[in-house]
Amino acid sequence: MIKTLLVITNSSLVAIYAIGSGLLVNTGDGFYRSLKRPFWQPPDFVPGIVWPYNFLVLIIAGIIIANNASNLFRFSYTIAFAFSVITALVWAHSLFIQHNLILAAISLAVTALSTVPMVAIAFQTDWKIGLALLPYQLWLIVASSLSVGYKVLN
């Protein structure tokens, strides 16, 4: 029963993450387009490739961890993931709605840090899912550095 609830919870968190960021992120608005971009900003099409992969891997990781990890790891993963979803949505709201570059940079850095235990738990549970989550972790690190870069340049 607990495994099923955690699979549902983790899958719901991915849905909240995807829908919430889809509603908040607007890279076509005047504010975002007016910002000076860091030189390491990837081309606009890259997030469209990266995020479907990330969301799919997060669903698979949630299922594998809920079904195979210890109770401590199951709950720790879910708590870290929930926290990272909240802070990622705070980033999106801060940047695209409030135009608060400082809060955006801080919240995305916290998001990247909060995914470290997720990746560690994934590796402990199944090295293949840990490896599959590394691009997500790396994307968040790059995105955090971009967010800081936006603040520095603007």
N, C-alpha and C. Protein backbone atom coordinates (compact mmCIF):
# COMPACT_ATOMS: atom_id res chain seq x y z
N MET A 1 0.81 -1.20 0.00
CA MET A 1 0.00 0.00 0.00
C MET A 1 0.86 1.27 0.00
N ILE A 2 1.91 1.28 0.84
CA ILE A 2 2.78 2.45 0.91
C ILE A 2 3.51 2.65 -0.41
N LYS A 3 3.95 1.56 -1.01
CA LYS A 3 4.65 1.66 -2.30
C LYS A 3 3.74 2.31 -3.34
N THR A 4 2.49 1.87 -3.38
CA THR A 4 1.54 2.43 -4.35
C THR A 4 1.30 3.91 -4.09
N LEU A 5 1.14 4.28 -2.84
CA LEU A 5 0.93 5.69 -2.50
C LEU A 5 2.14 6.55 -2.89
N LEU A 6 3.33 6.01 -2.71
CA LEU A 6 4.53 6.77 -3.07
C LEU A 6 4.68 6.88 -4.59
N VAL A 7 4.31 5.84 -5.32
CA VAL A 7 4.33 5.93 -6.79
C VAL A 7 3.36 7.01 -7.24
N ILE A 8 2.16 7.01 -6.66
CA ILE A 8 1.15 8.02 -7.01
C ILE A 8 1.64 9.42 -6.62
N THR A 9 2.23 9.54 -5.44
CA THR A 9 2.73 10.83 -4.97
C THR A 9 3.84 11.35 -5.89
N ASN A 10 4.81 10.50 -6.20
CA ASN A 10 5.92 10.94 -7.06
C ASN A 10 5.43 11.29 -8.46
N SER A 11 4.52 10.49 -9.00
CA SER A 11 3.97 10.80 -10.33
C SER A 11 3.17 12.09 -10.30
N SER A 12 2.44 12.32 -9.22
CA SER A 12 1.69 13.57 -9.08
C SER A 12 2.62 14.77 -8.98
N LEU A 13 3.74 14.59 -8.29
CA LEU A 13 4.72 15.67 -8.20
C LEU A 13 5.28 16.02 -9.57
N VAL A 14 5.53 15.02 -10.40
CA VAL A 14 6.00 15.29 -11.76
C VAL A 14 4.94 16.07 -12.53
N ALA A 15 3.68 15.67 -12.38
CA ALA A 15 2.59 16.37 -13.07
C ALA A 15 2.49 17.82 -12.60
N ILE A 16 2.58 18.03 -11.29
CA ILE A 16 2.54 19.39 -10.74
C ILE A 16 3.72 20.21 -11.28
N TYR A 17 4.88 19.60 -11.31
CA TYR A 17 6.11 20.23 -11.81
C TYR A 17 5.92 20.64 -13.28
N ALA A 18 5.48 19.70 -14.09
CA ALA A 18 5.33 19.96 -15.53
C ALA A 18 4.26 21.00 -15.81
N ILE A 19 3.11 20.84 -15.19
CA ILE A 19 2.00 21.78 -15.43
C ILE A 19 2.33 23.15 -14.85
N GLY A 20 2.84 23.16 -13.62
CA GLY A 20 3.17 24.43 -12.97
C GLY A 20 4.22 25.21 -13.74
N SER A 21 5.28 24.54 -14.15
CA SER A 21 6.31 25.25 -14.90
C SER A 21 5.79 25.67 -16.27
N GLY A 22 4.94 24.84 -16.86
CA GLY A 22 4.35 25.21 -18.15
C GLY A 22 3.50 26.46 -18.07
N LEU A 23 2.82 26.62 -16.95
CA LEU A 23 1.98 27.81 -16.75
C LEU A 23 2.80 29.05 -16.40
N LEU A 24 3.90 28.87 -15.69
CA LEU A 24 4.67 30.01 -15.19
C LEU A 24 5.78 30.48 -16.13
N VAL A 25 6.43 29.56 -16.81
CA VAL A 25 7.58 29.91 -17.64
C VAL A 25 7.10 30.49 -18.96
N ASN A 26 7.61 31.69 -19.27
CA ASN A 26 7.25 32.35 -20.52
C ASN A 26 8.51 33.01 -21.09
N THR A 27 9.22 32.26 -21.92
CA THR A 27 10.47 32.79 -22.47
C THR A 27 10.25 33.73 -23.64
N GLY A 28 9.00 33.94 -24.02
CA GLY A 28 8.72 34.84 -25.13
C GLY A 28 8.28 36.23 -24.70
N ASP A 29 8.15 36.46 -23.40
CA ASP A 29 7.67 37.78 -22.97
C ASP A 29 8.77 38.83 -23.06
N GLY A 30 8.36 40.07 -23.03
CA GLY A 30 9.29 41.19 -23.20
C GLY A 30 10.35 41.25 -22.13
N PHE A 31 9.97 40.99 -20.88
CA PHE A 31 10.94 41.06 -19.79
C PHE A 31 12.07 40.06 -20.02
N TYR A 32 11.73 38.81 -20.22
CA TYR A 32 12.75 37.78 -20.38
C TYR A 32 13.62 38.06 -21.60
N ARG A 33 13.01 38.43 -22.69
CA ARG A 33 13.76 38.70 -23.93
C ARG A 33 14.66 39.93 -23.81
N SER A 34 14.33 40.84 -22.88
CA SER A 34 15.14 42.05 -22.71
C SER A 34 16.39 41.80 -21.86
N LEU A 35 16.45 40.67 -21.18
CA LEU A 35 17.59 40.39 -20.31
C LEU A 35 18.85 40.08 -21.12
N LYS A 36 19.98 40.57 -20.61
CA LYS A 36 21.26 40.19 -21.19
C LYS A 36 21.52 38.74 -20.80
N ARG A 37 21.87 37.93 -21.79
CA ARG A 37 22.04 36.49 -21.56
C ARG A 37 23.50 36.14 -21.27
N PRO A 38 23.71 35.22 -20.33
CA PRO A 38 25.07 34.71 -20.14
C PRO A 38 25.54 34.00 -21.41
N PHE A 39 26.84 34.03 -21.65
CA PHE A 39 27.36 33.46 -22.89
C PHE A 39 27.15 31.95 -22.98
N TRP A 40 26.93 31.28 -21.84
CA TRP A 40 26.75 29.83 -21.85
C TRP A 40 25.27 29.41 -21.95
N GLN A 41 24.41 30.38 -22.21
CA GLN A 41 22.98 30.10 -22.40
C GLN A 41 22.81 29.16 -23.61
N PRO A 42 22.17 28.00 -23.41
CA PRO A 42 21.98 27.10 -24.56
C PRO A 42 20.94 27.67 -25.53
N PRO A 43 20.92 27.18 -26.75
CA PRO A 43 19.91 27.64 -27.71
C PRO A 43 18.49 27.36 -27.19
N ASP A 44 17.54 28.13 -27.67
CA ASP A 44 16.16 28.05 -27.18
C ASP A 44 15.52 26.66 -27.32
N PHE A 45 15.96 25.85 -28.27
CA PHE A 45 15.33 24.55 -28.47
C PHE A 45 15.76 23.51 -27.43
N VAL A 46 16.86 23.74 -26.73
CA VAL A 46 17.41 22.74 -25.81
C VAL A 46 16.44 22.38 -24.68
N PRO A 47 15.81 23.34 -23.99
CA PRO A 47 14.87 22.94 -22.94
C PRO A 47 13.73 22.05 -23.46
N GLY A 48 13.33 22.24 -24.69
CA GLY A 48 12.28 21.41 -25.27
C GLY A 48 12.69 19.96 -25.45
N ILE A 49 13.99 19.71 -25.46
CA ILE A 49 14.51 18.35 -25.52
C ILE A 49 14.78 17.82 -24.12
N VAL A 50 15.36 18.67 -23.29
CA VAL A 50 15.79 18.26 -21.95
C VAL A 50 14.61 17.94 -21.04
N TRP A 51 13.59 18.80 -21.02
CA TRP A 51 12.53 18.63 -20.03
C TRP A 51 11.66 17.39 -20.22
N PRO A 52 11.28 17.02 -21.43
CA PRO A 52 10.53 15.75 -21.55
C PRO A 52 11.34 14.56 -21.02
N TYR A 53 12.64 14.55 -21.32
CA TYR A 53 13.51 13.49 -20.79
C TYR A 53 13.50 13.53 -19.26
N ASN A 54 13.72 14.72 -18.69
CA ASN A 54 13.76 14.84 -17.23
C ASN A 54 12.47 14.37 -16.58
N PHE A 55 11.34 14.79 -17.11
CA PHE A 55 10.06 14.40 -16.52
C PHE A 55 9.85 12.89 -16.61
N LEU A 56 10.20 12.29 -17.73
CA LEU A 56 10.06 10.84 -17.88
C LEU A 56 10.95 10.10 -16.89
N VAL A 57 12.20 10.53 -16.77
CA VAL A 57 13.12 9.87 -15.85
C VAL A 57 12.67 10.06 -14.40
N LEU A 58 12.13 11.22 -14.06
CA LEU A 58 11.63 11.43 -12.70
C LEU A 58 10.47 10.50 -12.38
N ILE A 59 9.60 10.25 -13.35
CA ILE A 59 8.51 9.29 -13.14
C ILE A 59 9.08 7.89 -12.92
N ILE A 60 9.99 7.48 -13.79
CA ILE A 60 10.57 6.14 -13.68
C ILE A 60 11.34 5.99 -12.37
N ALA A 61 12.11 7.01 -12.00
CA ALA A 61 12.87 6.96 -10.75
C ALA A 61 11.92 6.83 -9.56
N GLY A 62 10.84 7.58 -9.57
CA GLY A 62 9.87 7.50 -8.48
C GLY A 62 9.29 6.10 -8.34
N ILE A 63 9.01 5.47 -9.46
CA ILE A 63 8.46 4.10 -9.44
C ILE A 63 9.50 3.11 -8.92
N ILE A 64 10.71 3.19 -9.44
CA ILE A 64 11.76 2.25 -9.03
C ILE A 64 12.11 2.42 -7.56
N ILE A 65 12.25 3.65 -7.12
CA ILE A 65 12.61 3.90 -5.72
C ILE A 65 11.47 3.50 -4.78
N ALA A 66 10.24 3.82 -5.14
CA ALA A 66 9.09 3.43 -4.30
C ALA A 66 8.99 1.92 -4.16
N ASN A 67 9.35 1.19 -5.19
CA ASN A 67 9.21 -0.26 -5.17
C ASN A 67 10.43 -1.02 -4.66
N ASN A 68 11.60 -0.39 -4.67
CA ASN A 68 12.82 -1.15 -4.36
C ASN A 68 13.68 -0.60 -3.23
N ALA A 69 13.51 0.64 -2.86
CA ALA A 69 14.37 1.24 -1.83
C ALA A 69 13.84 0.92 -0.43
N SER A 70 14.68 1.16 0.55
CA SER A 70 14.24 1.02 1.94
C SER A 70 13.21 2.11 2.25
N ASN A 71 12.48 1.93 3.33
CA ASN A 71 11.49 2.96 3.70
C ASN A 71 12.14 4.32 3.91
N LEU A 72 13.30 4.34 4.54
CA LEU A 72 14.00 5.60 4.76
C LEU A 72 14.31 6.28 3.43
N PHE A 73 14.83 5.53 2.48
CA PHE A 73 15.15 6.09 1.17
C PHE A 73 13.89 6.48 0.40
N ARG A 74 12.85 5.67 0.49
CA ARG A 74 11.60 5.99 -0.22
C ARG A 74 11.07 7.35 0.22
N PHE A 75 10.96 7.51 1.53
CA PHE A 75 10.38 8.75 2.05
C PHE A 75 11.34 9.94 1.87
N SER A 76 12.63 9.70 2.04
CA SER A 76 13.61 10.78 1.85
C SER A 76 13.60 11.27 0.42
N TYR A 77 13.53 10.35 -0.54
CA TYR A 77 13.48 10.73 -1.95
C TYR A 77 12.25 11.58 -2.22
N THR A 78 11.10 11.12 -1.74
CA THR A 78 9.85 11.83 -2.01
C THR A 78 9.84 13.21 -1.37
N ILE A 79 10.36 13.32 -0.16
CA ILE A 79 10.42 14.62 0.52
C ILE A 79 11.37 15.56 -0.24
N ALA A 80 12.55 15.06 -0.61
CA ALA A 80 13.50 15.89 -1.36
C ALA A 80 12.90 16.32 -2.70
N PHE A 81 12.20 15.40 -3.36
CA PHE A 81 11.60 15.72 -4.65
C PHE A 81 10.51 16.78 -4.48
N ALA A 82 9.65 16.61 -3.47
CA ALA A 82 8.59 17.59 -3.23
C ALA A 82 9.19 18.97 -2.97
N PHE A 83 10.23 19.01 -2.15
CA PHE A 83 10.88 20.28 -1.85
C PHE A 83 11.47 20.90 -3.12
N SER A 84 12.09 20.07 -3.96
CA SER A 84 12.70 20.59 -5.19
C SER A 84 11.64 21.10 -6.17
N VAL A 85 10.49 20.46 -6.20
CA VAL A 85 9.41 20.94 -7.07
C VAL A 85 8.93 22.31 -6.59
N ILE A 86 8.77 22.44 -5.28
CA ILE A 86 8.33 23.72 -4.72
C ILE A 86 9.33 24.82 -5.06
N THR A 87 10.62 24.55 -4.82
CA THR A 87 11.61 25.60 -5.07
C THR A 87 11.78 25.88 -6.57
N ALA A 88 11.59 24.88 -7.42
CA ALA A 88 11.65 25.12 -8.87
C ALA A 88 10.49 26.00 -9.31
N LEU A 89 9.31 25.78 -8.74
CA LEU A 89 8.16 26.62 -9.10
C LEU A 89 8.31 28.02 -8.51
N VAL A 90 8.96 28.14 -7.35
CA VAL A 90 9.27 29.47 -6.81
C VAL A 90 10.21 30.19 -7.77
N TRP A 91 11.20 29.48 -8.31
CA TRP A 91 12.09 30.09 -9.31
C TRP A 91 11.30 30.62 -10.50
N ALA A 92 10.43 29.77 -11.06
CA ALA A 92 9.67 30.17 -12.25
C ALA A 92 8.80 31.39 -11.94
N HIS A 93 8.15 31.39 -10.80
CA HIS A 93 7.30 32.52 -10.42
C HIS A 93 8.15 33.77 -10.19
N SER A 94 9.28 33.58 -9.51
CA SER A 94 10.16 34.73 -9.21
C SER A 94 10.70 35.37 -10.47
N LEU A 95 11.11 34.55 -11.42
CA LEU A 95 11.71 35.09 -12.64
C LEU A 95 10.66 35.62 -13.61
N PHE A 96 9.67 34.84 -13.93
CA PHE A 96 8.76 35.18 -15.02
C PHE A 96 7.55 36.00 -14.60
N ILE A 97 7.18 35.95 -13.33
CA ILE A 97 6.01 36.72 -12.86
C ILE A 97 6.47 37.94 -12.07
N GLN A 98 7.31 37.71 -11.05
CA GLN A 98 7.76 38.82 -10.19
C GLN A 98 8.95 39.58 -10.77
N HIS A 99 9.67 38.98 -11.69
CA HIS A 99 10.90 39.56 -12.26
C HIS A 99 11.94 39.83 -11.17
N ASN A 100 12.00 38.94 -10.19
CA ASN A 100 12.92 39.06 -9.07
C ASN A 100 14.11 38.13 -9.33
N LEU A 101 15.17 38.68 -9.88
CA LEU A 101 16.32 37.86 -10.29
C LEU A 101 17.08 37.27 -9.11
N ILE A 102 17.10 37.97 -7.98
CA ILE A 102 17.80 37.45 -6.80
C ILE A 102 17.08 36.23 -6.25
N LEU A 103 15.78 36.34 -6.02
CA LEU A 103 15.01 35.21 -5.51
C LEU A 103 15.04 34.05 -6.50
N ALA A 104 15.00 34.35 -7.78
CA ALA A 104 15.05 33.30 -8.80
C ALA A 104 16.38 32.54 -8.70
N ALA A 105 17.48 33.26 -8.59
CA ALA A 105 18.79 32.60 -8.50
C ALA A 105 18.90 31.76 -7.24
N ILE A 106 18.45 32.29 -6.12
CA ILE A 106 18.52 31.55 -4.86
C ILE A 106 17.65 30.30 -4.91
N SER A 107 16.43 30.44 -5.38
CA SER A 107 15.52 29.29 -5.37
C SER A 107 15.98 28.20 -6.32
N LEU A 108 16.58 28.56 -7.44
CA LEU A 108 17.06 27.53 -8.36
C LEU A 108 18.31 26.84 -7.82
N ALA A 109 19.16 27.59 -7.12
CA ALA A 109 20.32 26.96 -6.47
C ALA A 109 19.86 25.97 -5.40
N VAL A 110 18.84 26.35 -4.65
CA VAL A 110 18.29 25.44 -3.63
C VAL A 110 17.68 24.21 -4.31
N THR A 111 17.03 24.41 -5.45
CA THR A 111 16.48 23.28 -6.19
C THR A 111 17.59 22.31 -6.58
N ALA A 112 18.67 22.83 -7.14
CA ALA A 112 19.79 21.97 -7.55
C ALA A 112 20.37 21.22 -6.36
N LEU A 113 20.53 21.91 -5.24
CA LEU A 113 21.06 21.26 -4.04
C LEU A 113 20.11 20.19 -3.50
N SER A 114 18.82 20.45 -3.57
CA SER A 114 17.86 19.49 -3.01
C SER A 114 17.74 18.23 -3.85
N THR A 115 18.24 18.27 -5.08
CA THR A 115 18.20 17.06 -5.90
C THR A 115 19.41 16.16 -5.67
N VAL A 116 20.42 16.64 -4.98
CA VAL A 116 21.59 15.81 -4.69
C VAL A 116 21.20 14.55 -3.92
N PRO A 117 20.41 14.66 -2.83
CA PRO A 117 20.01 13.42 -2.15
C PRO A 117 19.15 12.51 -3.03
N MET A 118 18.37 13.09 -3.92
CA MET A 118 17.56 12.28 -4.83
C MET A 118 18.45 11.41 -5.70
N VAL A 119 19.48 12.01 -6.27
CA VAL A 119 20.39 11.27 -7.15
C VAL A 119 21.17 10.24 -6.34
N ALA A 120 21.61 10.60 -5.14
CA ALA A 120 22.33 9.65 -4.29
C ALA A 120 21.46 8.45 -3.95
N ILE A 121 20.21 8.70 -3.59
CA ILE A 121 19.28 7.61 -3.28
C ILE A 121 19.04 6.76 -4.52
N ALA A 122 18.90 7.40 -5.66
CA ALA A 122 18.70 6.65 -6.90
C ALA A 122 19.89 5.72 -7.17
N PHE A 123 21.11 6.22 -7.00
CA PHE A 123 22.28 5.38 -7.21
C PHE A 123 22.32 4.23 -6.21
N GLN A 124 21.95 4.48 -4.96
CA GLN A 124 21.93 3.43 -3.95
C GLN A 124 20.88 2.36 -4.27
N THR A 125 19.80 2.78 -4.89
CA THR A 125 18.70 1.86 -5.19
C THR A 125 18.96 1.07 -6.46
N ASP A 126 19.38 1.76 -7.51
CA ASP A 126 19.63 1.13 -8.81
C ASP A 126 20.55 2.06 -9.59
N TRP A 127 21.78 1.64 -9.81
CA TRP A 127 22.76 2.52 -10.43
C TRP A 127 22.30 3.05 -11.78
N LYS A 128 21.48 2.26 -12.49
CA LYS A 128 21.02 2.71 -13.81
C LYS A 128 20.10 3.92 -13.70
N ILE A 129 19.22 3.93 -12.72
CA ILE A 129 18.32 5.08 -12.56
C ILE A 129 19.10 6.28 -12.00
N GLY A 130 20.11 6.00 -11.18
CA GLY A 130 20.99 7.08 -10.72
C GLY A 130 21.70 7.74 -11.89
N LEU A 131 22.20 6.91 -12.78
CA LEU A 131 22.86 7.42 -13.99
C LEU A 131 21.88 8.19 -14.87
N ALA A 132 20.66 7.69 -14.98
CA ALA A 132 19.64 8.36 -15.80
C ALA A 132 19.24 9.71 -15.22
N LEU A 133 19.36 9.88 -13.90
CA LEU A 133 19.02 11.15 -13.26
C LEU A 133 20.14 12.19 -13.34
N LEU A 134 21.34 11.78 -13.69
CA LEU A 134 22.45 12.74 -13.75
C LEU A 134 22.20 13.90 -14.71
N PRO A 135 21.64 13.67 -15.90
CA PRO A 135 21.35 14.83 -16.77
C PRO A 135 20.40 15.84 -16.12
N TYR A 136 19.45 15.36 -15.33
CA TYR A 136 18.54 16.26 -14.61
C TYR A 136 19.33 17.11 -13.62
N GLN A 137 20.20 16.45 -12.85
CA GLN A 137 21.03 17.17 -11.89
C GLN A 137 21.93 18.18 -12.59
N LEU A 138 22.56 17.77 -13.66
CA LEU A 138 23.44 18.67 -14.41
C LEU A 138 22.67 19.83 -15.02
N TRP A 139 21.46 19.56 -15.53
CA TRP A 139 20.64 20.63 -16.09
C TRP A 139 20.32 21.67 -15.02
N LEU A 140 19.98 21.22 -13.82
CA LEU A 140 19.67 22.16 -12.74
C LEU A 140 20.89 22.97 -12.33
N ILE A 141 22.06 22.36 -12.36
CA ILE A 141 23.28 23.10 -12.03
C ILE A 141 23.54 24.17 -13.09
N VAL A 142 23.41 23.80 -14.35
CA VAL A 142 23.59 24.78 -15.44
C VAL A 142 22.54 25.88 -15.33
N ALA A 143 21.29 25.49 -15.11
CA ALA A 143 20.21 26.48 -15.00
C ALA A 143 20.45 27.42 -13.82
N SER A 144 20.96 26.88 -12.71
CA SER A 144 21.28 27.72 -11.55
C SER A 144 22.37 28.72 -11.90
N SER A 145 23.39 28.26 -12.60
CA SER A 145 24.46 29.18 -12.99
C SER A 145 23.94 30.24 -13.95
N LEU A 146 23.02 29.86 -14.83
CA LEU A 146 22.41 30.84 -15.73
C LEU A 146 21.61 31.88 -14.95
N SER A 147 20.88 31.40 -13.94
CA SER A 147 20.07 32.32 -13.14
C SER A 147 20.95 33.34 -12.42
N VAL A 148 22.07 32.87 -11.89
CA VAL A 148 23.02 33.79 -11.26
C VAL A 148 23.60 34.72 -12.33
N GLY A 149 23.91 34.17 -13.49
CA GLY A 149 24.43 34.99 -14.59
C GLY A 149 23.46 36.08 -15.01
N TYR A 150 22.18 35.76 -15.06
CA TYR A 150 21.17 36.78 -15.38
C TYR A 150 21.19 37.90 -14.36
N LYS A 151 21.31 37.53 -13.07
CA LYS A 151 21.33 38.56 -12.03
C LYS A 151 22.58 39.43 -12.17
N VAL A 152 23.71 38.82 -12.40
CA VAL A 152 24.96 39.58 -12.51
C VAL A 152 24.93 40.53 -13.71
N LEU A 153 24.41 40.06 -14.83
CA LEU A 153 24.40 40.86 -16.06
C LEU A 153 23.30 41.92 -16.11
N ASN A 154 22.27 41.74 -15.29
CA ASN A 154 21.14 42.64 -15.37
C ASN A 154 20.93 43.32 -14.02
